[in-house]
Amino acid sequence: MKRIVLMGVIILMVVATVYLWISNSGLSEGEGPFLGIIALILVFAGFLLIRRIKSWKAGEPQEDELTKKMMVRTAALSYYISLYLWVFLLYIQDRVTFDKDRLIGIGIVGMAVIFALSWLFYHFRGVPND
């Protein structure tokens, strides 16, 4: 139950932060894709929140062995891919002039997208039995 509440609070904080960002500064040129990616991440988090609420209402355990194994595999895969993302971003930084804040933002959002895609990969493919 604590994780469900924490996940809900985090989602609400991100939505409030994005709302404040848009209301105070507006969307400037090139920030539309970032907003779309943030919206996709929020949809993914909402999907996970709804699944956890349904399993909590059904009296199922929040995390079983398969769920833990899937999260470990997802975290490992997304970590390795994220390392290559940061190497690529550092390579791009030498060739193209990027603001450092934008580069860090791209890296962080990219890591979140990579984690979501890794989770989807293991969710539909399944976790191999070692």
N, C-alpha and C. Protein backbone atom coordinates (compact mmCIF):
# COMPACT_ATOMS: atom_id res chain seq x y z
N MET A 1 0.82 -1.19 0.00
CA MET A 1 0.00 0.00 0.00
C MET A 1 0.87 1.26 0.00
N LYS A 2 1.99 1.21 0.74
CA LYS A 2 2.86 2.38 0.80
C LYS A 2 3.42 2.72 -0.57
N ARG A 3 3.77 1.71 -1.35
CA ARG A 3 4.32 1.95 -2.68
C ARG A 3 3.28 2.54 -3.62
N ILE A 4 2.04 2.13 -3.45
CA ILE A 4 0.97 2.67 -4.29
C ILE A 4 0.80 4.16 -4.02
N VAL A 5 0.77 4.53 -2.75
CA VAL A 5 0.62 5.93 -2.38
C VAL A 5 1.83 6.74 -2.85
N LEU A 6 3.03 6.18 -2.66
CA LEU A 6 4.24 6.88 -3.09
C LEU A 6 4.26 7.08 -4.60
N MET A 7 3.87 6.06 -5.35
CA MET A 7 3.84 6.19 -6.80
C MET A 7 2.81 7.24 -7.22
N GLY A 8 1.66 7.27 -6.58
CA GLY A 8 0.65 8.28 -6.88
C GLY A 8 1.13 9.68 -6.58
N VAL A 9 1.81 9.86 -5.46
CA VAL A 9 2.34 11.17 -5.09
C VAL A 9 3.39 11.63 -6.09
N ILE A 10 4.26 10.72 -6.52
CA ILE A 10 5.29 11.08 -7.49
C ILE A 10 4.66 11.48 -8.82
N ILE A 11 3.66 10.75 -9.26
CA ILE A 11 2.98 11.09 -10.52
C ILE A 11 2.34 12.47 -10.40
N LEU A 12 1.68 12.74 -9.29
CA LEU A 12 1.06 14.06 -9.10
C LEU A 12 2.09 15.19 -9.05
N MET A 13 3.24 14.92 -8.44
CA MET A 13 4.29 15.93 -8.38
C MET A 13 4.85 16.24 -9.77
N VAL A 14 5.02 15.20 -10.58
CA VAL A 14 5.52 15.42 -11.95
C VAL A 14 4.49 16.20 -12.76
N VAL A 15 3.22 15.86 -12.63
CA VAL A 15 2.18 16.59 -13.36
C VAL A 15 2.15 18.04 -12.91
N ALA A 16 2.25 18.28 -11.60
CA ALA A 16 2.25 19.66 -11.10
C ALA A 16 3.47 20.43 -11.59
N THR A 17 4.63 19.78 -11.63
CA THR A 17 5.84 20.44 -12.10
C THR A 17 5.75 20.79 -13.58
N VAL A 18 5.22 19.88 -14.38
CA VAL A 18 5.06 20.15 -15.81
C VAL A 18 4.05 21.28 -16.01
N TYR A 19 2.99 21.28 -15.22
CA TYR A 19 2.00 22.36 -15.32
C TYR A 19 2.63 23.71 -14.98
N LEU A 20 3.42 23.75 -13.92
CA LEU A 20 4.09 25.01 -13.55
C LEU A 20 5.08 25.43 -14.63
N TRP A 21 5.78 24.47 -15.21
CA TRP A 21 6.74 24.76 -16.27
C TRP A 21 6.04 25.40 -17.47
N ILE A 22 4.91 24.81 -17.86
CA ILE A 22 4.20 25.33 -19.02
C ILE A 22 3.53 26.66 -18.71
N SER A 23 2.94 26.80 -17.53
CA SER A 23 2.23 28.03 -17.21
C SER A 23 3.17 29.21 -16.99
N ASN A 24 4.35 28.98 -16.44
CA ASN A 24 5.28 30.09 -16.19
C ASN A 24 6.07 30.50 -17.42
N SER A 25 6.60 29.54 -18.15
CA SER A 25 7.47 29.90 -19.27
C SER A 25 6.86 29.62 -20.63
N GLY A 26 5.82 28.84 -20.67
CA GLY A 26 5.25 28.47 -21.95
C GLY A 26 6.15 27.48 -22.67
N LEU A 27 5.70 27.02 -23.80
CA LEU A 27 6.50 26.09 -24.58
C LEU A 27 7.29 26.86 -25.63
N SER A 28 8.58 26.76 -25.55
CA SER A 28 9.39 27.40 -26.57
C SER A 28 9.67 26.42 -27.69
N GLU A 29 10.39 26.87 -28.65
CA GLU A 29 10.66 26.06 -29.84
C GLU A 29 11.48 24.83 -29.48
N GLY A 30 11.03 23.68 -29.90
CA GLY A 30 11.76 22.43 -29.68
C GLY A 30 11.44 21.71 -28.39
N GLU A 31 10.55 22.24 -27.57
CA GLU A 31 10.21 21.57 -26.32
C GLU A 31 8.99 20.68 -26.42
N GLY A 32 8.31 20.69 -27.57
CA GLY A 32 7.14 19.84 -27.77
C GLY A 32 7.46 18.36 -27.66
N PRO A 33 8.55 17.89 -28.29
CA PRO A 33 8.88 16.47 -28.15
C PRO A 33 9.17 16.06 -26.71
N PHE A 34 9.82 16.95 -25.94
CA PHE A 34 10.08 16.64 -24.54
C PHE A 34 8.78 16.48 -23.77
N LEU A 35 7.83 17.34 -24.05
CA LEU A 35 6.54 17.25 -23.38
C LEU A 35 5.82 15.96 -23.76
N GLY A 36 5.92 15.56 -25.02
CA GLY A 36 5.32 14.30 -25.46
C GLY A 36 5.96 13.10 -24.78
N ILE A 37 7.28 13.11 -24.65
CA ILE A 37 7.97 12.00 -23.99
C ILE A 37 7.60 11.95 -22.52
N ILE A 38 7.52 13.11 -21.88
CA ILE A 38 7.12 13.14 -20.47
C ILE A 38 5.69 12.61 -20.33
N ALA A 39 4.82 12.95 -21.26
CA ALA A 39 3.44 12.44 -21.22
C ALA A 39 3.43 10.93 -21.38
N LEU A 40 4.25 10.38 -22.26
CA LEU A 40 4.32 8.92 -22.42
C LEU A 40 4.82 8.24 -21.15
N ILE A 41 5.80 8.84 -20.51
CA ILE A 41 6.32 8.28 -19.26
C ILE A 41 5.24 8.31 -18.18
N LEU A 42 4.47 9.40 -18.13
CA LEU A 42 3.39 9.49 -17.15
C LEU A 42 2.29 8.47 -17.43
N VAL A 43 2.00 8.23 -18.70
CA VAL A 43 1.01 7.20 -19.05
C VAL A 43 1.51 5.83 -18.61
N PHE A 44 2.79 5.55 -18.83
CA PHE A 44 3.38 4.28 -18.41
C PHE A 44 3.31 4.14 -16.88
N ALA A 45 3.64 5.20 -16.15
CA ALA A 45 3.57 5.16 -14.69
C ALA A 45 2.13 4.99 -14.21
N GLY A 46 1.19 5.64 -14.89
CA GLY A 46 -0.22 5.47 -14.54
C GLY A 46 -0.69 4.05 -14.78
N PHE A 47 -0.22 3.45 -15.88
CA PHE A 47 -0.54 2.05 -16.16
C PHE A 47 -0.03 1.14 -15.05
N LEU A 48 1.20 1.36 -14.62
CA LEU A 48 1.75 0.55 -13.52
C LEU A 48 0.97 0.78 -12.22
N LEU A 49 0.59 2.03 -11.97
CA LEU A 49 -0.17 2.34 -10.77
C LEU A 49 -1.53 1.64 -10.78
N ILE A 50 -2.20 1.66 -11.90
CA ILE A 50 -3.51 0.98 -12.01
C ILE A 50 -3.36 -0.52 -11.81
N ARG A 51 -2.31 -1.11 -12.38
CA ARG A 51 -2.08 -2.55 -12.19
C ARG A 51 -1.83 -2.88 -10.73
N ARG A 52 -1.06 -2.04 -10.04
CA ARG A 52 -0.79 -2.31 -8.61
C ARG A 52 -2.05 -2.15 -7.77
N ILE A 53 -2.88 -1.16 -8.10
CA ILE A 53 -4.12 -0.97 -7.35
C ILE A 53 -5.05 -2.17 -7.55
N LYS A 54 -5.16 -2.65 -8.79
CA LYS A 54 -6.01 -3.82 -9.06
C LYS A 54 -5.51 -5.05 -8.32
N SER A 55 -4.20 -5.27 -8.32
CA SER A 55 -3.68 -6.45 -7.62
C SER A 55 -3.82 -6.30 -6.10
N TRP A 56 -3.74 -5.06 -5.59
CA TRP A 56 -3.93 -4.85 -4.16
C TRP A 56 -5.38 -5.11 -3.77
N LYS A 57 -6.33 -4.65 -4.62
CA LYS A 57 -7.74 -4.89 -4.32
C LYS A 57 -8.09 -6.38 -4.42
N ALA A 58 -7.41 -7.10 -5.30
CA ALA A 58 -7.68 -8.53 -5.44
C ALA A 58 -7.02 -9.35 -4.34
N GLY A 59 -6.21 -8.71 -3.50
CA GLY A 59 -5.57 -9.41 -2.42
C GLY A 59 -4.31 -10.15 -2.83
N GLU A 60 -3.81 -9.84 -4.01
CA GLU A 60 -2.58 -10.48 -4.48
C GLU A 60 -1.37 -9.80 -3.85
N PRO A 61 -0.27 -10.51 -3.75
CA PRO A 61 0.94 -9.87 -3.22
C PRO A 61 1.45 -8.81 -4.20
N GLN A 62 2.02 -7.76 -3.65
CA GLN A 62 2.50 -6.67 -4.50
C GLN A 62 3.67 -7.11 -5.37
N GLU A 63 4.58 -7.88 -4.81
CA GLU A 63 5.72 -8.36 -5.58
C GLU A 63 5.95 -9.83 -5.26
N ASP A 64 5.95 -10.62 -6.29
CA ASP A 64 6.30 -12.03 -6.13
C ASP A 64 7.66 -12.25 -6.77
N GLU A 65 8.08 -13.52 -6.84
CA GLU A 65 9.41 -13.82 -7.35
C GLU A 65 9.57 -13.42 -8.82
N LEU A 66 8.53 -13.66 -9.61
CA LEU A 66 8.61 -13.33 -11.03
C LEU A 66 8.70 -11.82 -11.25
N THR A 67 7.93 -11.06 -10.48
CA THR A 67 7.96 -9.60 -10.60
C THR A 67 9.32 -9.06 -10.21
N LYS A 68 9.89 -9.58 -9.13
CA LYS A 68 11.22 -9.13 -8.71
C LYS A 68 12.27 -9.48 -9.75
N LYS A 69 12.19 -10.69 -10.30
CA LYS A 69 13.16 -11.11 -11.31
C LYS A 69 13.03 -10.25 -12.56
N MET A 70 11.80 -9.93 -12.94
CA MET A 70 11.59 -9.10 -14.11
C MET A 70 12.14 -7.69 -13.89
N MET A 71 11.95 -7.14 -12.71
CA MET A 71 12.47 -5.80 -12.43
C MET A 71 14.00 -5.79 -12.39
N VAL A 72 14.61 -6.85 -11.88
CA VAL A 72 16.08 -6.93 -11.87
C VAL A 72 16.60 -6.99 -13.30
N ARG A 73 15.99 -7.82 -14.12
CA ARG A 73 16.40 -7.92 -15.53
C ARG A 73 16.18 -6.61 -16.27
N THR A 74 15.05 -5.98 -16.01
CA THR A 74 14.74 -4.70 -16.66
C THR A 74 15.75 -3.64 -16.24
N ALA A 75 16.06 -3.57 -14.96
CA ALA A 75 17.02 -2.58 -14.49
C ALA A 75 18.40 -2.82 -15.08
N ALA A 76 18.80 -4.08 -15.17
CA ALA A 76 20.12 -4.39 -15.73
C ALA A 76 20.20 -4.01 -17.20
N LEU A 77 19.19 -4.39 -17.98
CA LEU A 77 19.20 -4.08 -19.40
C LEU A 77 19.15 -2.57 -19.64
N SER A 78 18.29 -1.87 -18.91
CA SER A 78 18.19 -0.43 -19.11
C SER A 78 19.46 0.29 -18.65
N TYR A 79 20.14 -0.24 -17.65
CA TYR A 79 21.40 0.35 -17.19
C TYR A 79 22.46 0.26 -18.28
N TYR A 80 22.61 -0.91 -18.88
CA TYR A 80 23.62 -1.08 -19.93
C TYR A 80 23.30 -0.23 -21.16
N ILE A 81 22.05 -0.18 -21.54
CA ILE A 81 21.69 0.64 -22.69
C ILE A 81 21.86 2.12 -22.37
N SER A 82 21.56 2.52 -21.14
CA SER A 82 21.71 3.92 -20.74
C SER A 82 23.17 4.36 -20.75
N LEU A 83 24.07 3.44 -20.43
CA LEU A 83 25.50 3.77 -20.52
C LEU A 83 25.87 4.14 -21.95
N TYR A 84 25.37 3.38 -22.90
CA TYR A 84 25.64 3.69 -24.30
C TYR A 84 24.96 4.99 -24.72
N LEU A 85 23.80 5.28 -24.15
CA LEU A 85 23.14 6.56 -24.44
C LEU A 85 24.02 7.72 -23.99
N TRP A 86 24.59 7.63 -22.78
CA TRP A 86 25.44 8.72 -22.29
C TRP A 86 26.72 8.84 -23.10
N VAL A 87 27.28 7.71 -23.54
CA VAL A 87 28.47 7.78 -24.40
C VAL A 87 28.11 8.47 -25.72
N PHE A 88 26.96 8.12 -26.27
CA PHE A 88 26.50 8.76 -27.50
C PHE A 88 26.27 10.25 -27.31
N LEU A 89 25.67 10.63 -26.18
CA LEU A 89 25.44 12.06 -25.92
C LEU A 89 26.75 12.82 -25.75
N LEU A 90 27.73 12.21 -25.11
CA LEU A 90 29.03 12.85 -24.99
C LEU A 90 29.71 12.99 -26.35
N TYR A 91 29.53 12.00 -27.20
CA TYR A 91 30.06 12.07 -28.56
C TYR A 91 29.38 13.20 -29.35
N ILE A 92 28.07 13.30 -29.21
CA ILE A 92 27.31 14.35 -29.90
C ILE A 92 27.71 15.73 -29.38
N GLN A 93 27.98 15.83 -28.09
CA GLN A 93 28.32 17.13 -27.49
C GLN A 93 29.57 17.72 -28.12
N ASP A 94 30.52 16.88 -28.51
CA ASP A 94 31.73 17.38 -29.14
C ASP A 94 31.48 17.88 -30.55
N ARG A 95 30.47 17.36 -31.21
CA ARG A 95 30.23 17.68 -32.61
C ARG A 95 29.17 18.78 -32.81
N VAL A 96 28.21 18.86 -31.90
CA VAL A 96 27.11 19.81 -32.04
C VAL A 96 27.08 20.66 -30.77
N THR A 97 26.76 21.93 -30.92
CA THR A 97 26.67 22.79 -29.74
C THR A 97 25.31 22.62 -29.08
N PHE A 98 25.34 22.03 -27.90
CA PHE A 98 24.15 21.84 -27.07
C PHE A 98 24.36 22.57 -25.76
N ASP A 99 23.30 23.09 -25.22
CA ASP A 99 23.34 23.62 -23.88
C ASP A 99 23.47 22.44 -22.93
N LYS A 100 24.30 22.56 -21.92
CA LYS A 100 24.54 21.43 -21.01
C LYS A 100 23.27 21.02 -20.27
N ASP A 101 22.41 21.98 -19.93
CA ASP A 101 21.15 21.65 -19.27
C ASP A 101 20.26 20.80 -20.17
N ARG A 102 20.22 21.15 -21.44
CA ARG A 102 19.41 20.39 -22.39
C ARG A 102 19.98 18.99 -22.58
N LEU A 103 21.30 18.88 -22.62
CA LEU A 103 21.94 17.58 -22.80
C LEU A 103 21.65 16.67 -21.61
N ILE A 104 21.72 17.20 -20.41
CA ILE A 104 21.41 16.40 -19.21
C ILE A 104 19.93 16.03 -19.21
N GLY A 105 19.06 16.95 -19.60
CA GLY A 105 17.63 16.64 -19.69
C GLY A 105 17.34 15.54 -20.68
N ILE A 106 18.01 15.59 -21.85
CA ILE A 106 17.84 14.53 -22.84
C ILE A 106 18.30 13.19 -22.28
N GLY A 107 19.42 13.21 -21.55
CA GLY A 107 19.93 11.97 -20.97
C GLY A 107 19.00 11.38 -19.93
N ILE A 108 18.45 12.21 -19.07
CA ILE A 108 17.55 11.71 -18.02
C ILE A 108 16.25 11.19 -18.60
N VAL A 109 15.67 11.95 -19.52
CA VAL A 109 14.43 11.50 -20.15
C VAL A 109 14.69 10.25 -20.98
N GLY A 110 15.85 10.21 -21.64
CA GLY A 110 16.21 9.02 -22.40
C GLY A 110 16.35 7.79 -21.52
N MET A 111 16.90 7.94 -20.34
CA MET A 111 17.01 6.82 -19.41
C MET A 111 15.63 6.31 -18.99
N ALA A 112 14.71 7.23 -18.76
CA ALA A 112 13.36 6.82 -18.38
C ALA A 112 12.67 6.08 -19.53
N VAL A 113 12.87 6.56 -20.74
CA VAL A 113 12.27 5.90 -21.90
C VAL A 113 12.89 4.53 -22.10
N ILE A 114 14.19 4.42 -21.94
CA ILE A 114 14.87 3.13 -22.07
C ILE A 114 14.36 2.15 -21.02
N PHE A 115 14.15 2.62 -19.79
CA PHE A 115 13.62 1.73 -18.76
C PHE A 115 12.22 1.24 -19.12
N ALA A 116 11.38 2.15 -19.61
CA ALA A 116 10.02 1.76 -19.98
C ALA A 116 10.03 0.76 -21.13
N LEU A 117 10.88 0.98 -22.12
CA LEU A 117 10.97 0.05 -23.24
C LEU A 117 11.53 -1.30 -22.81
N SER A 118 12.49 -1.29 -21.87
CA SER A 118 13.03 -2.55 -21.35
C SER A 118 11.96 -3.32 -20.59
N TRP A 119 11.16 -2.60 -19.82
CA TRP A 119 10.09 -3.26 -19.07
C TRP A 119 9.08 -3.87 -20.03
N LEU A 120 8.72 -3.12 -21.07
CA LEU A 120 7.78 -3.65 -22.06
C LEU A 120 8.36 -4.88 -22.77
N PHE A 121 9.65 -4.85 -23.06
CA PHE A 121 10.30 -5.98 -23.70
C PHE A 121 10.17 -7.24 -22.84
N TYR A 122 10.52 -7.13 -21.57
CA TYR A 122 10.43 -8.31 -20.69
C TYR A 122 8.99 -8.66 -20.35
N HIS A 123 8.09 -7.69 -20.36
CA HIS A 123 6.69 -7.97 -20.06
C HIS A 123 6.07 -8.84 -21.15
N PHE A 124 6.37 -8.52 -22.41
CA PHE A 124 5.78 -9.29 -23.51
C PHE A 124 6.61 -10.51 -23.90
N ARG A 125 7.90 -10.45 -23.75
CA ARG A 125 8.76 -11.57 -24.11
C ARG A 125 8.84 -12.61 -22.99
N GLY A 126 8.80 -12.14 -21.78
CA GLY A 126 8.94 -13.03 -20.64
C GLY A 126 10.38 -13.04 -20.15
N VAL A 127 10.55 -13.49 -18.93
CA VAL A 127 11.88 -13.54 -18.33
C VAL A 127 12.42 -14.96 -18.51
N PRO A 128 13.62 -15.09 -19.10
CA PRO A 128 14.14 -16.44 -19.27
C PRO A 128 14.49 -17.08 -17.93
N ASN A 129 14.32 -18.38 -17.88
CA ASN A 129 14.61 -19.12 -16.66
C ASN A 129 16.08 -19.54 -16.69
N ASP A 130 16.83 -19.06 -15.74
CA ASP A 130 18.28 -19.37 -15.70
C ASP A 130 18.53 -20.71 -15.09
